[in-house]
Structures are given as C-alpha cells and as structure tokens.
Amino acid sequence: MSTLRDLAEEHTHLRPADIDHLHRIAGDWQLLSDLSFADLLLWVPVDAEGTFLCVAQVRPTTAPTAYQDDQVGRIIGGSEVAHLGVAYSQGRIWREGDPVWYGDVPARHEAIPVRLRTADGEAGEVIAVVGRDTNLSTARTPSQLELNYLTTADDLAQMIADGTFPPPRHPGETTSAPRVGDGLVRLDAGGKVTYASPNAQSAYRRLGYASHLVGEDLAALHRRLAGDPLDGTEAANGILAALRGEAPPRREIDARGATMLTRALPLMPAGVPIGALVLVRDITEVRRRDRALITKDATIREIHHRVKNNLQTVAALLRLQARRVAMPEARVALEESVRRVASIALVHETLSMSSDEVVEFDGIVDRVASAATEVAATEVSVGMRRKGSFGVLPAEIATSLVMVLNELLLNAVEHGFPPADETDDEPVPPTSGVVPAVVAEGDPSARPEVVVSAHRFRKMLHVSVTDNGRGLPPEFDAERGSRLGLQIVRALVTGELRGTIELRAGAKGGTEALLVVPLARTAPDGRSQA
C-alpha cells in the first residue's frame, strides 16, 4: 500500500509543507478517533470536479469500526462526497445529513476541514478534509465518560479546522502516548478538574492521592504529589502552559514508588482558550523494567570488560612462556596463540564499551590488520587497506569472524611476501596461516599490499582478503590442508559462522580468500532471526 506522501504527490498538487501537516495529523489523530468513537479518514481533492482520494485512515480503539475494509487509496466523487465538498469549499465542519449504510452497518458522516496556518499565524486555506464516520449499530445512551470524550473531541475537531491541532512534536517524542484509554483529565480555563476518567483516577491513586480529582487545581496537586520538587514544578508548569494555549512536552511524576506519564494539550476551539486536556498513564512497571535493563546492560558490559582483562592476562602468560622456550617451533606456536587470544580480546573490549551485544566491526578489522603488519615475520613492508564497511555485527558473529580475519591477514603478510632468503624452489610451509605461498609472476614494481573488502547483500556478508604477493602452489588443496591455521579458519567459517570460504589464485596474481557469512541467525524453533 502506498504511503500518504506517495498518494498525495502522485494525485494532488499539495505543497511539501501541506503534506507535512497532513503527516502530523495522521501521527496524532488516534487521540481524536478514540475520543470520537469514530473512524477518521483523511481525504484530499484530486481534481476540480469534486473528486476526493483517501490517503490515510485510523480506527477507534474505543468503539467498533464503521469500515471492515481499508479505505486508503479509494477515490470517490459525486453525491457520495457532498459532505466533503461542503467542508472543503466552505471551510466549516459539516454535521448535517441522515445516517448512511455500509453493507449492514449504519454510520453517521461528519466532515472536518483541515487548515495549515500561515507563517504569521493566520488561518490558511483548506488543504484536505477529515471524515469522521461513526458506527451507529451499537448506539446507546452515552455515559458521563462518553459525553466528556465527545465534548473534547468536538473541541479538537474545531482546532483541526482552525489549524491549531495537532501541536508541534517536541524533540525525542516519537509517539503520542499516553492514549485516551490510559487516563483522561479535563480542565476548565482556571485549571480546575471538571472530569477524570476511572483510569486517570486510578493512576493518581498510585501516586498517593486517594480523593476524587474533580474540583482540584491540577497544577497545585502535581506540586504536592511529586517526590522531587523539581519534577513537581516542571509538571505543574506544563499544566499552566497548556492553559495558556501552549503545547508543553510530556512530563513524568514520581511519588511513593510509582511513576505517571502526563501529556497536556491546550483546548482552544476558534482560538479561545477554554481549558486543557491532560492524558495520564501509569508507567510504574515500564520504568521498573527500564531500570532492570540498565542494570543488566551494565552487568554485561562489566562481564565483557573482565573477559577482556582475563584474555589479556592469558596472552601475557603465553608471551612470557614463549620467551622461555628454547625450541623455535614451540616459540612460534605460542606467539601465534598470543595473537589469536589478543584478537578475541579486541571484540570483548569493544563490547565492554557498547550498550548492546553488537560491535562496530570496521574499527576492529583496522586494528587487527595493523597488528598483522607489525608482528608478521617478514622483511617486506606491506600496506593494508580496507574497502567497504562491515557495519554493525552481533557479538556471536564478530568473535568468530575476527579470528578468521586474523589468520587470513597474518598468512597474507607472512607467506604472500616472504623474506628475501626464501627461494622459489623451496617455499617455506606456513606454520599458522592458511595460504601456502609460492612466488607469483606479477608486476615487480607493484607495492606489496593486502586489501580487505566487505559488503552486504540480501542479509549476507561478503568478505575478501586479497594480496598481490606469491600465489597458490599448483598442488594446494584447501579441503585437505593439515595446518592449524587452515583448520581454525575452516572450522569457524563452516561451523560457528555457518558460511562458506574459497581460497583461489587472484586474477592478477597473488591469493584471494572469499568468505560469505549469513547475517540472519536461525532460532531454536527454526525461524530466521535478523
């Protein structure tokens, strides 16, 4: 289904500012739908003959819908849109007319003109119409709650027609919560409570206020209830700002171990401040879970920090042992283990500074590549270069992948560019790397270089490690290689990473290692997890 912006740009001549205003309405009109017990449909004119296109729809959570089918994308004209035409051309709310039937559902039509105020604050031209359609099949004598809902809905509808609703959203506010069903309080122009829904009354009772709210000065009540005087003052100032016609940001009030979120909206139909609407929601359990998650995140980071320290201690012990070993082969094996442990420690170091179990992998690759050129046993100065980006990787992929890249990079440096005393006739077998090397015939003036490339495609990570050094010997068999480095790479790629690896001669000489690693993991129930 096309979006509101797509439909408006394709079928109308609305300006970008007009479409942005329609987006703001669609982002905040669940409030009006719930208060109205009605479906809201956003209609825009598409031609001079009175044809309208529905670009957005919202159903009420407080009443049955009037439409079982989605209306977005529907184009109508003629007598069916007479009420929309009146609201659009005359700029007034249309409430006349008899009920209409949609199948076996009777519905009442209303039409609310949508205005976008000009830069100097004046009411602009009508740019669209909000259809308010109420399912009448369950009509009954309204309760006090329903009467207050409907009265408030009419005030907000007039504000849409005036161009003063919805108010601008404050930075960081991505939703319109709390909602009508969470708790509603209506204030008069003096800030006194004229109505409080049962859920609102319960939310204040959690804060320690057991009396009925009607007649209370809500701003003064917030000051008294809040455990922190600063929070109480801010919450009270928000109420007073709404009474002045402003739209303050949402506030939280903490008292007696409970937390309540409040949102204050001015009520000023026809530009006259008549009071305010305050939506409240008990978020005590939400904040408790937030605190538990923060504690858990801090604990996980501390665990990663300690794992990193322990791995560094193990590396130091192995390094110390290597210095005391007389046999060259044993010393080389211990030094290789030091490098492997150090590469894993890099991942845990990054995780210890992250708030999630993911890491920015590019920095880790750069550090591993730099270390490979510093510790590799070669007399040749080899350049390292990274192309593309690995992006953010989950910890379970990053830990195994860094070990694979460490092996491949060390091999590329040490065996792609061996010391000068190694000959073409007797190449030195690698002790830790993957790729046995022979001298390749290439451009002798080419600068020795290893390139690590990465890109993502369809939830797969494609990685290549390419050098321009000596290539693979004719008898090389990656599947039957018995060297430890080759075994580590093959086991990690096919096992932990569930990917594939291919070792082959480069197109212009040298060696190329190609890895393909799936980024989507499989859950225990067999479903794919991103």
Protein backbone atom coordinates (compact mmCIF):
# COMPACT_ATOMS: atom_id res chain seq x y z
CA MET A 1 0.00 0.00 0.00
CA SER A 2 1.33 3.45 -0.93
CA THR A 3 2.09 5.89 1.85
CA LEU A 4 0.29 9.14 2.50
CA ARG A 5 3.13 11.10 0.88
CA ASP A 6 3.22 8.83 -2.18
CA LEU A 7 -0.51 9.15 -2.77
CA ALA A 8 -0.55 12.91 -2.24
CA GLU A 9 2.42 13.53 -4.54
CA GLU A 10 1.01 11.28 -7.25
CA HIS A 11 -2.58 12.54 -7.32
CA THR A 12 -2.55 16.13 -5.98
CA HIS A 13 -0.70 19.42 -6.24
CA LEU A 14 -0.24 19.83 -2.48
CA ARG A 15 2.94 21.57 -1.40
CA PRO A 16 5.54 19.74 0.72
CA ALA A 17 4.52 21.87 3.72
CA ASP A 18 0.89 20.81 3.23
CA ILE A 19 1.83 17.12 3.09
CA ASP A 20 3.99 17.50 6.20
CA HIS A 21 0.98 18.93 8.05
CA LEU A 22 -1.16 16.00 6.93
CA HIS A 23 1.54 13.68 8.25
CA ARG A 24 1.42 15.43 11.64
CA ILE A 25 -2.36 14.97 11.76
CA ALA A 26 -2.09 11.28 10.87
CA GLY A 27 0.59 10.87 13.53
CA ASP A 28 -1.61 12.27 16.30
CA TRP A 29 -5.20 11.60 15.29
CA GLN A 30 -5.65 8.33 17.19
CA LEU A 31 -6.49 10.65 20.09
CA LEU A 32 -9.36 12.25 18.17
CA SER A 33 -10.57 8.89 16.85
CA ASP A 34 -10.77 7.39 20.33
CA LEU A 35 -12.50 10.46 21.78
CA SER A 36 -14.98 10.47 18.89
CA PHE A 37 -15.68 6.68 18.97
CA ALA A 38 -15.33 7.02 15.19
CA ASP A 39 -13.19 6.14 12.18
CA LEU A 40 -11.19 9.04 10.77
CA LEU A 41 -10.41 9.18 7.05
CA LEU A 42 -8.12 11.80 5.54
CA TRP A 43 -9.44 12.96 2.14
CA VAL A 44 -7.59 15.17 -0.35
CA PRO A 45 -9.10 16.70 -3.52
CA VAL A 46 -7.69 15.35 -6.76
CA ASP A 47 -9.45 17.50 -9.38
CA ALA A 48 -11.78 20.45 -9.87
CA GLU A 49 -14.83 18.19 -10.31
CA GLY A 50 -15.03 17.39 -6.60
CA THR A 51 -13.30 14.01 -6.56
CA PHE A 52 -11.52 13.02 -3.34
CA LEU A 53 -8.82 10.46 -2.53
CA CYS A 54 -8.40 8.77 0.87
CA VAL A 55 -4.72 8.95 1.87
CA ALA A 56 -4.93 7.76 5.50
CA GLN A 57 -7.32 6.03 7.89
CA VAL A 58 -7.43 5.27 11.61
CA ARG A 59 -9.91 3.11 13.54
CA PRO A 60 -11.02 3.79 17.12
CA THR A 61 -9.88 1.58 19.98
CA THR A 62 -12.92 2.66 21.99
CA ALA A 63 -15.70 1.56 19.60
CA PRO A 64 -16.40 -0.75 16.64
CA THR A 65 -15.19 0.43 13.24
CA ALA A 66 -17.55 1.62 10.54
CA TYR A 67 -15.33 0.06 7.84
CA GLN A 68 -14.20 -3.54 7.72
CA ASP A 69 -12.13 -2.84 4.60
CA ASP A 70 -9.22 -0.44 4.35
CA GLN A 71 -10.22 2.78 2.59
CA VAL A 72 -6.73 4.13 1.83
CA GLY A 73 -6.30 4.64 -1.90
CA ARG A 74 -10.04 4.82 -2.56
CA ILE A 75 -11.19 7.58 -4.96
CA ILE A 76 -14.81 8.74 -4.77
CA GLY A 77 -16.89 11.52 -6.29
CA GLY A 78 -20.43 12.71 -6.98
CA SER A 79 -23.12 12.66 -4.32
CA GLU A 80 -21.04 10.32 -2.16
CA VAL A 81 -18.66 13.17 -1.31
CA ALA A 82 -21.18 16.01 -0.94
CA HIS A 83 -20.34 16.39 2.75
CA LEU A 84 -16.61 16.51 1.98
CA GLY A 85 -17.20 19.14 -0.70
CA VAL A 86 -19.12 21.39 1.71
CA ALA A 87 -16.38 21.20 4.36
CA TYR A 88 -13.66 21.81 1.75
CA SER A 89 -15.32 24.69 -0.11
CA GLN A 90 -16.97 26.45 2.85
CA GLY A 91 -14.25 25.76 5.43
CA ARG A 92 -16.66 24.63 8.13
CA ILE A 93 -17.41 21.40 9.99
CA TRP A 94 -20.30 19.52 8.33
CA ARG A 95 -22.61 17.57 10.63
CA GLU A 96 -25.91 17.54 8.72
CA GLY A 97 -27.42 14.60 6.93
CA ASP A 98 -29.02 11.27 7.66
CA PRO A 99 -27.13 8.09 8.51
CA VAL A 100 -25.71 6.11 5.61
CA TRP A 101 -25.22 2.36 5.30
CA TYR A 102 -22.04 0.44 4.56
CA GLY A 103 -23.33 -3.07 3.95
CA ASP A 104 -25.32 -3.81 7.10
CA VAL A 105 -23.56 -1.13 9.21
CA PRO A 106 -25.31 2.25 9.70
CA ALA A 107 -22.89 5.17 10.04
CA ARG A 108 -23.05 8.90 10.70
CA HIS A 109 -20.98 11.14 8.42
CA GLU A 110 -19.14 14.25 9.57
CA ALA A 111 -16.50 16.28 7.71
CA ILE A 112 -13.80 18.46 9.26
CA PRO A 113 -11.80 20.90 7.09
CA VAL A 114 -8.02 20.80 7.54
CA ARG A 115 -6.12 24.07 7.55
CA LEU A 116 -2.41 24.82 7.71
CA ARG A 117 -1.72 28.11 9.44
CA THR A 118 0.47 30.62 7.63
CA ALA A 119 3.89 31.78 8.81
CA ASP A 120 2.33 34.81 10.55
CA GLY A 121 -0.11 32.60 12.46
CA GLU A 122 -3.19 33.31 10.35
CA ALA A 123 -5.61 30.56 9.33
CA GLY A 124 -4.66 29.40 5.84
CA GLU A 125 -6.68 27.77 3.08
CA VAL A 126 -8.32 24.38 3.46
CA ILE A 127 -5.95 21.70 2.12
CA ALA A 128 -7.85 18.50 3.00
CA VAL A 129 -10.85 17.09 4.86
CA VAL A 130 -11.03 14.65 7.77
CA GLY A 131 -14.07 12.41 7.52
CA ARG A 132 -15.38 11.34 10.92
CA ASP A 133 -17.62 8.29 10.44
CA THR A 134 -19.30 6.69 13.46
CA ASN A 135 -20.69 3.16 13.57
CA LEU A 136 -24.27 3.53 14.87
CA SER A 137 -25.05 -0.17 15.24
CA THR A 138 -24.16 -0.08 18.93
CA ALA A 139 -25.68 3.34 19.71
CA ARG A 140 -26.88 3.74 23.27
CA THR A 141 -27.43 6.42 25.89
CA PRO A 142 -23.96 7.91 26.46
CA SER A 143 -22.38 7.75 29.90
CA GLN A 144 -20.60 10.62 31.63
CA LEU A 145 -17.31 9.32 30.27
CA GLU A 146 -18.63 9.20 26.71
CA LEU A 147 -20.15 12.68 26.95
CA ASN A 148 -16.83 14.12 28.11
CA TYR A 149 -15.00 12.23 25.37
CA LEU A 150 -17.35 13.57 22.70
CA THR A 151 -17.21 17.13 24.01
CA THR A 152 -13.43 17.08 23.98
CA ALA A 153 -13.44 15.51 20.51
CA ASP A 154 -15.56 18.37 19.19
CA ASP A 155 -13.10 20.89 20.63
CA LEU A 156 -10.16 19.14 18.94
CA ALA A 157 -12.10 18.87 15.67
CA GLN A 158 -12.63 22.64 15.70
CA MET A 159 -8.90 23.09 16.36
CA ILE A 160 -8.13 20.98 13.25
CA ALA A 161 -10.43 23.29 11.29
CA ASP A 162 -8.63 26.30 12.82
CA GLY A 163 -5.18 24.85 12.02
CA THR A 164 -4.10 24.69 15.69
CA PHE A 165 -4.15 20.88 16.08
CA PRO A 166 -2.03 18.87 16.27
CA PRO A 167 0.60 20.84 18.18
CA PRO A 168 4.25 20.57 17.12
CA ARG A 169 6.02 17.49 18.46
CA HIS A 170 8.94 18.04 20.79
CA PRO A 171 12.39 16.53 20.08
CA GLY A 172 12.63 12.94 21.26
CA GLU A 173 8.84 12.40 21.35
CA THR A 174 8.21 9.69 18.79
CA THR A 175 4.71 8.63 19.84
CA SER A 176 1.52 10.26 21.06
CA ALA A 177 1.33 8.16 24.26
CA PRO A 178 -0.35 8.24 26.69
CA ARG A 179 -3.61 7.44 24.94
CA VAL A 180 -7.22 8.18 25.80
CA GLY A 181 -7.85 4.79 27.40
CA ASP A 182 -4.86 5.18 29.71
CA GLY A 183 -6.47 8.06 31.59
CA LEU A 184 -8.09 11.40 30.71
CA VAL A 185 -8.49 14.55 32.78
CA ARG A 186 -10.31 17.65 31.51
CA LEU A 187 -9.58 21.06 33.00
CA ASP A 188 -11.50 24.32 32.82
CA ALA A 189 -9.88 27.65 31.97
CA GLY A 190 -8.81 28.10 35.60
CA GLY A 191 -7.00 24.74 35.77
CA LYS A 192 -9.66 23.00 37.88
CA VAL A 193 -10.57 19.38 37.07
CA THR A 194 -14.05 19.09 35.56
CA TYR A 195 -13.79 15.40 34.69
CA ALA A 196 -11.40 12.49 35.36
CA SER A 197 -11.83 9.04 33.82
CA PRO A 198 -11.67 5.99 36.10
CA ASN A 199 -8.24 5.04 34.77
CA ALA A 200 -6.94 8.55 35.44
CA GLN A 201 -8.30 8.38 38.97
CA SER A 202 -6.51 5.06 39.49
CA ALA A 203 -3.21 6.47 38.20
CA TYR A 204 -3.33 9.34 40.70
CA ARG A 205 -4.24 6.93 43.47
CA ARG A 206 -0.98 5.07 42.76
CA LEU A 207 0.82 8.37 43.39
CA GLY A 208 -0.87 8.66 46.78
CA TYR A 209 -3.92 10.82 46.03
CA ALA A 210 -6.99 8.91 47.22
CA SER A 211 -9.65 11.64 46.91
CA HIS A 212 -11.70 12.40 43.83
CA LEU A 213 -9.99 14.69 41.32
CA VAL A 214 -12.99 16.79 40.28
CA GLY A 215 -12.60 20.34 41.58
CA GLU A 216 -8.85 20.01 42.25
CA ASP A 217 -6.30 22.51 40.95
CA LEU A 218 -4.23 20.01 38.94
CA ALA A 219 -1.04 22.10 38.75
CA ALA A 220 -1.01 22.57 42.53
CA LEU A 221 -1.77 18.86 43.00
CA HIS A 222 1.26 17.89 40.88
CA ARG A 223 3.49 20.06 43.05
CA ARG A 224 2.21 18.36 46.19
CA LEU A 225 2.41 14.80 44.90
CA ALA A 226 5.82 14.73 43.22
CA GLY A 227 8.59 13.21 45.31
CA ASP A 228 11.15 15.51 43.65
CA PRO A 229 10.19 19.22 43.96
CA LEU A 230 11.85 19.95 40.61
CA ASP A 231 9.76 17.28 38.86
CA GLY A 232 6.63 18.62 40.53
CA THR A 233 7.38 22.16 39.40
CA GLU A 234 8.03 21.06 35.82
CA ALA A 235 4.81 19.01 35.74
CA ALA A 236 2.84 21.93 37.16
CA ASN A 237 4.39 24.36 34.67
CA GLY A 238 3.34 22.03 31.87
CA ILE A 239 -0.29 22.25 33.01
CA LEU A 240 -0.12 26.05 33.21
CA ALA A 241 1.48 26.25 29.76
CA ALA A 242 -1.37 24.20 28.25
CA LEU A 243 -3.90 26.52 29.89
CA ARG A 244 -2.14 29.44 28.16
CA GLY A 245 -2.58 27.74 24.78
CA GLU A 246 0.90 26.22 24.52
CA ALA A 247 1.79 22.56 23.94
CA PRO A 248 4.37 21.54 26.60
CA PRO A 249 6.47 18.37 26.38
CA ARG A 250 5.37 15.27 28.23
CA ARG A 251 6.38 15.00 31.86
CA GLU A 252 6.81 12.21 34.38
CA ILE A 253 5.83 12.37 38.05
CA ASP A 254 7.41 10.02 40.60
CA ALA A 255 5.83 9.55 44.01
CA ARG A 256 5.65 6.70 46.52
CA GLY A 257 7.47 4.32 44.18
CA ALA A 258 5.04 4.92 41.31
CA THR A 259 5.62 6.79 38.04
CA MET A 260 3.00 8.53 35.91
CA LEU A 261 3.48 9.98 32.44
CA THR A 262 1.44 13.09 31.63
CA ARG A 263 0.68 14.90 28.40
CA ALA A 264 -1.10 18.25 28.49
CA LEU A 265 -2.86 19.65 25.41
CA PRO A 266 -4.49 23.07 25.14
CA LEU A 267 -8.19 23.27 24.28
CA MET A 268 -8.81 26.42 22.29
CA PRO A 269 -11.55 25.97 19.67
CA ALA A 270 -11.97 29.06 17.49
CA GLY A 271 -8.82 30.43 19.14
CA VAL A 272 -10.43 30.82 22.58
CA PRO A 273 -8.63 29.05 25.48
CA ILE A 274 -11.29 27.11 27.36
CA GLY A 275 -9.08 24.76 29.37
CA ALA A 276 -6.80 21.81 28.78
CA LEU A 277 -6.84 18.09 28.16
CA VAL A 278 -4.43 16.02 30.28
CA LEU A 279 -3.70 12.41 29.34
CA VAL A 280 -2.06 10.28 32.01
CA ARG A 281 -0.61 6.79 32.08
CA ASP A 282 0.72 4.68 34.93
CA ILE A 283 4.19 3.59 33.72
CA THR A 284 5.48 2.23 37.03
CA GLU A 285 6.15 -1.24 35.64
CA VAL A 286 7.66 0.16 32.44
CA ARG A 287 10.19 2.22 34.40
CA ARG A 288 10.93 -0.74 36.67
CA ARG A 289 11.78 -2.84 33.62
CA ASP A 290 13.86 0.01 32.21
CA ARG A 291 15.89 0.15 35.41
CA ALA A 292 16.33 -3.63 35.33
CA LEU A 293 17.55 -3.46 31.73
CA ILE A 294 20.02 -0.69 32.58
CA THR A 295 21.37 -2.79 35.42
CA LYS A 296 21.57 -5.83 33.15
CA ASP A 297 23.38 -3.86 30.44
CA ALA A 298 25.89 -2.56 32.96
CA THR A 299 26.47 -6.09 34.25
CA ILE A 300 27.01 -7.44 30.73
CA ARG A 301 29.48 -4.66 29.94
CA GLU A 302 31.37 -5.40 33.13
CA ILE A 303 31.49 -9.10 32.19
CA HIS A 304 32.95 -8.26 28.78
CA HIS A 305 35.48 -5.97 30.47
CA ARG A 306 36.60 -8.77 32.80
CA VAL A 307 36.74 -11.30 29.95
CA LYS A 308 38.93 -8.87 28.02
CA ASN A 309 41.23 -8.46 31.04
CA ASN A 310 41.43 -12.24 31.54
CA LEU A 311 42.25 -12.80 27.87
CA GLN A 312 44.97 -10.18 28.04
CA THR A 313 46.37 -11.95 31.11
CA VAL A 314 46.36 -15.26 29.23
CA ALA A 315 48.13 -13.60 26.30
CA ALA A 316 50.75 -12.15 28.63
CA LEU A 317 51.39 -15.56 30.22
CA LEU A 318 51.72 -17.19 26.81
CA ARG A 319 54.09 -14.44 25.72
CA LEU A 320 56.19 -14.95 28.84
CA GLN A 321 56.27 -18.70 28.24
CA ALA A 322 57.32 -18.16 24.62
CA ARG A 323 60.36 -16.19 25.74
CA ARG A 324 61.49 -19.09 27.92
CA VAL A 325 61.06 -21.82 25.29
CA ALA A 326 64.24 -22.88 23.52
CA MET A 327 62.64 -24.72 20.58
CA PRO A 328 61.89 -22.29 17.69
CA GLU A 329 58.81 -24.26 16.59
CA ALA A 330 57.31 -24.13 20.08
CA ARG A 331 58.05 -20.41 20.40
CA VAL A 332 56.33 -19.69 17.08
CA ALA A 333 53.28 -21.74 18.11
CA LEU A 334 52.98 -19.83 21.41
CA GLU A 335 53.33 -16.47 19.67
CA GLU A 336 50.55 -17.45 17.26
CA SER A 337 48.33 -18.33 20.23
CA VAL A 338 49.08 -14.92 21.73
CA ARG A 339 47.86 -13.20 18.57
CA ARG A 340 44.69 -15.32 18.44
CA VAL A 341 43.82 -14.58 22.05
CA ALA A 342 44.53 -10.87 21.52
CA SER A 343 42.18 -10.70 18.53
CA ILE A 344 39.32 -12.15 20.61
CA ALA A 345 40.11 -9.69 23.39
CA LEU A 346 39.56 -6.85 20.90
CA VAL A 347 35.93 -7.90 20.43
CA HIS A 348 35.27 -8.06 24.16
CA GLU A 349 36.97 -4.70 24.65
CA THR A 350 34.56 -3.17 22.12
CA LEU A 351 31.57 -4.91 23.70
CA SER A 352 32.57 -3.60 27.14
CA MET A 353 32.05 -0.06 25.82
CA SER A 354 28.78 -0.82 23.99
CA SER A 355 25.24 -0.66 25.34
CA ASP A 356 24.20 -3.63 23.19
CA GLU A 357 25.56 -7.01 22.16
CA VAL A 358 26.74 -5.59 18.83
CA VAL A 359 30.03 -4.05 17.71
CA GLU A 360 31.16 -1.61 15.04
CA PHE A 361 33.38 -4.09 13.25
CA ASP A 362 35.34 -1.77 10.96
CA GLY A 363 37.49 -0.46 13.80
CA ILE A 364 38.30 -3.99 14.95
CA VAL A 365 39.36 -5.03 11.44
CA ASP A 366 41.60 -1.99 11.15
CA ARG A 367 43.32 -2.80 14.44
CA VAL A 368 43.79 -6.48 13.55
CA ALA A 369 45.19 -5.52 10.15
CA SER A 370 47.61 -3.05 11.71
CA ALA A 371 48.78 -5.67 14.22
CA ALA A 372 49.31 -8.20 11.43
CA THR A 373 51.81 -5.94 9.67
CA GLU A 374 53.65 -5.24 12.92
CA VAL A 375 54.10 -8.81 14.15
CA ALA A 376 54.37 -10.75 10.89
CA ALA A 377 57.73 -12.42 10.31
CA THR A 378 58.64 -10.75 7.01
CA GLU A 379 61.21 -8.25 5.85
CA VAL A 380 58.83 -6.70 3.30
CA SER A 381 56.87 -3.55 4.11
CA VAL A 382 53.26 -4.50 3.34
CA GLY A 383 50.45 -1.98 3.09
CA MET A 384 46.98 -2.70 4.48
CA ARG A 385 43.78 -1.27 3.05
CA ARG A 386 40.07 -1.79 3.79
CA LYS A 387 37.35 -1.32 1.17
CA GLY A 388 33.70 -1.10 2.07
CA SER A 389 32.22 -1.49 5.52
CA PHE A 390 31.40 -4.46 7.73
CA GLY A 391 28.93 -2.31 9.64
CA VAL A 392 27.50 -3.38 12.97
CA LEU A 393 27.75 -7.10 13.74
CA PRO A 394 26.32 -9.14 16.62
CA ALA A 395 28.85 -10.44 19.13
CA GLU A 396 28.43 -14.10 18.14
CA ILE A 397 29.46 -13.29 14.56
CA ALA A 398 32.15 -10.76 15.45
CA THR A 399 34.10 -13.06 17.79
CA SER A 400 34.49 -15.84 15.23
CA LEU A 401 34.99 -13.53 12.25
CA VAL A 402 37.83 -11.62 13.89
CA MET A 403 39.74 -14.88 14.43
CA VAL A 404 39.21 -15.86 10.79
CA LEU A 405 40.42 -12.47 9.53
CA ASN A 406 43.40 -12.57 11.90
CA GLU A 407 44.53 -15.89 10.38
CA LEU A 408 43.98 -14.73 6.81
CA LEU A 409 45.74 -11.40 7.27
CA LEU A 410 48.76 -12.90 9.01
CA ASN A 411 49.04 -15.50 6.28
CA ALA A 412 48.74 -12.92 3.52
CA VAL A 413 51.56 -10.84 5.01
CA GLU A 414 53.93 -13.62 6.05
CA HIS A 415 53.52 -16.05 3.16
CA GLY A 416 52.44 -13.77 0.36
CA PHE A 417 55.56 -11.66 0.91
CA PRO A 418 58.24 -13.95 2.45
CA PRO A 419 61.76 -12.86 3.50
CA ALA A 420 64.34 -12.44 0.77
CA ASP A 421 66.26 -15.65 1.63
CA GLU A 422 63.25 -17.83 0.70
CA THR A 423 63.55 -19.22 -2.84
CA ASP A 424 61.02 -20.13 -5.46
CA ASP A 425 62.23 -23.71 -5.49
CA GLU A 426 61.84 -24.31 -1.75
CA PRO A 427 58.98 -22.31 -0.32
CA VAL A 428 58.69 -22.35 3.46
CA PRO A 429 55.47 -24.07 4.59
CA PRO A 430 53.27 -21.84 6.75
CA THR A 431 53.03 -22.60 10.45
CA SER A 432 49.89 -20.66 11.19
CA GLY A 433 48.48 -19.20 8.02
CA VAL A 434 46.05 -20.60 5.54
CA VAL A 435 47.62 -20.00 2.17
CA PRO A 436 50.90 -21.74 1.27
CA ALA A 437 52.88 -19.34 -0.88
CA VAL A 438 55.00 -19.58 -3.98
CA VAL A 439 56.47 -16.66 -5.86
CA ALA A 440 53.92 -15.26 -8.31
CA GLU A 441 54.84 -13.65 -11.56
CA GLY A 442 53.46 -10.15 -11.48
CA ASP A 443 54.47 -6.53 -11.71
CA PRO A 444 57.76 -6.27 -9.77
CA SER A 445 57.14 -2.56 -9.23
CA ALA A 446 53.74 -3.13 -7.58
CA ARG A 447 53.65 -2.09 -3.94
CA PRO A 448 53.09 -5.09 -1.63
CA GLU A 449 49.53 -4.74 -0.39
CA VAL A 450 46.74 -6.66 1.30
CA VAL A 451 43.16 -5.47 0.76
CA VAL A 452 40.21 -6.43 2.96
CA SER A 453 36.87 -5.85 1.23
CA ALA A 454 33.38 -6.17 2.68
CA HIS A 455 29.83 -5.54 1.52
CA ARG A 456 26.34 -6.71 2.47
CA PHE A 457 23.82 -8.17 0.07
CA ARG A 458 20.50 -9.81 0.92
CA LYS A 459 21.35 -10.50 4.57
CA MET A 460 24.72 -11.96 3.61
CA LEU A 461 28.14 -10.52 4.44
CA HIS A 462 30.64 -10.93 1.60
CA VAL A 463 34.31 -10.57 2.63
CA SER A 464 37.51 -10.94 0.63
CA VAL A 465 41.16 -10.81 1.71
CA THR A 466 43.35 -10.25 -1.35
CA ASP A 467 47.11 -9.84 -1.68
CA ASN A 468 49.35 -9.17 -4.67
CA GLY A 469 52.17 -11.42 -3.47
CA ARG A 470 53.09 -15.00 -4.32
CA GLY A 471 50.19 -17.16 -5.39
CA LEU A 472 48.99 -20.64 -4.51
CA PRO A 473 51.08 -23.69 -5.49
CA PRO A 474 49.54 -25.99 -8.09
CA GLU A 475 49.09 -28.81 -5.59
CA PHE A 476 47.29 -26.70 -2.99
CA ASP A 477 44.07 -28.26 -1.61
CA ALA A 478 42.14 -26.14 0.89
CA GLU A 479 39.91 -29.06 1.97
CA ARG A 480 42.82 -31.37 2.84
CA GLY A 481 45.21 -28.83 4.33
CA SER A 482 46.55 -30.02 7.68
CA ARG A 483 47.97 -26.78 9.04
CA LEU A 484 46.45 -25.45 12.25
CA GLY A 485 45.59 -22.06 10.81
CA LEU A 486 43.69 -23.63 7.94
CA GLN A 487 41.82 -25.92 10.32
CA ILE A 488 40.84 -22.98 12.56
CA VAL A 489 39.53 -20.94 9.64
CA ARG A 490 37.63 -23.84 8.09
CA ALA A 491 36.06 -24.86 11.42
CA LEU A 492 34.99 -21.31 12.33
CA VAL A 493 33.59 -20.39 8.92
CA THR A 494 31.60 -23.60 8.34
CA GLY A 495 30.72 -24.17 12.00
CA GLU A 496 30.29 -21.04 14.10
CA LEU A 497 29.60 -18.67 11.20
CA ARG A 498 27.63 -21.18 9.08
CA GLY A 499 29.20 -19.68 5.98
CA THR A 500 31.48 -20.66 3.13
CA ILE A 501 35.11 -19.93 2.25
CA GLU A 502 37.01 -20.25 -1.02
CA LEU A 503 40.77 -19.89 -1.49
CA ARG A 504 41.91 -19.21 -5.02
CA ALA A 505 44.54 -17.52 -7.13
CA GLY A 506 43.96 -13.82 -7.70
CA ALA A 507 43.01 -12.57 -11.14
CA LYS A 508 46.25 -10.55 -11.36
CA GLY A 509 48.45 -12.81 -9.27
CA GLY A 510 48.58 -13.25 -5.54
CA THR A 511 45.92 -15.00 -3.49
CA GLU A 512 42.30 -14.30 -2.73
CA ALA A 513 40.20 -15.65 0.15
CA LEU A 514 36.43 -15.24 -0.28
CA LEU A 515 34.02 -15.58 2.66
CA VAL A 516 30.22 -15.49 2.62
CA VAL A 517 28.60 -15.29 6.06
CA PRO A 518 24.83 -15.19 6.71
CA LEU A 519 23.76 -12.29 8.92
CA ALA A 520 20.38 -13.83 9.79
CA ARG A 521 20.59 -16.43 12.53
CA THR A 522 18.25 -19.39 13.00
CA ALA A 523 16.27 -19.58 16.22
CA PRO A 524 15.70 -22.87 18.09
CA ASP A 525 12.20 -23.08 16.60
CA GLY A 526 13.66 -22.95 13.09
CA ARG A 527 12.65 -19.37 12.32
CA SER A 528 15.13 -16.85 10.94
CA GLN A 529 16.38 -14.11 13.25
CA ALA A 530 17.92 -10.91 11.86
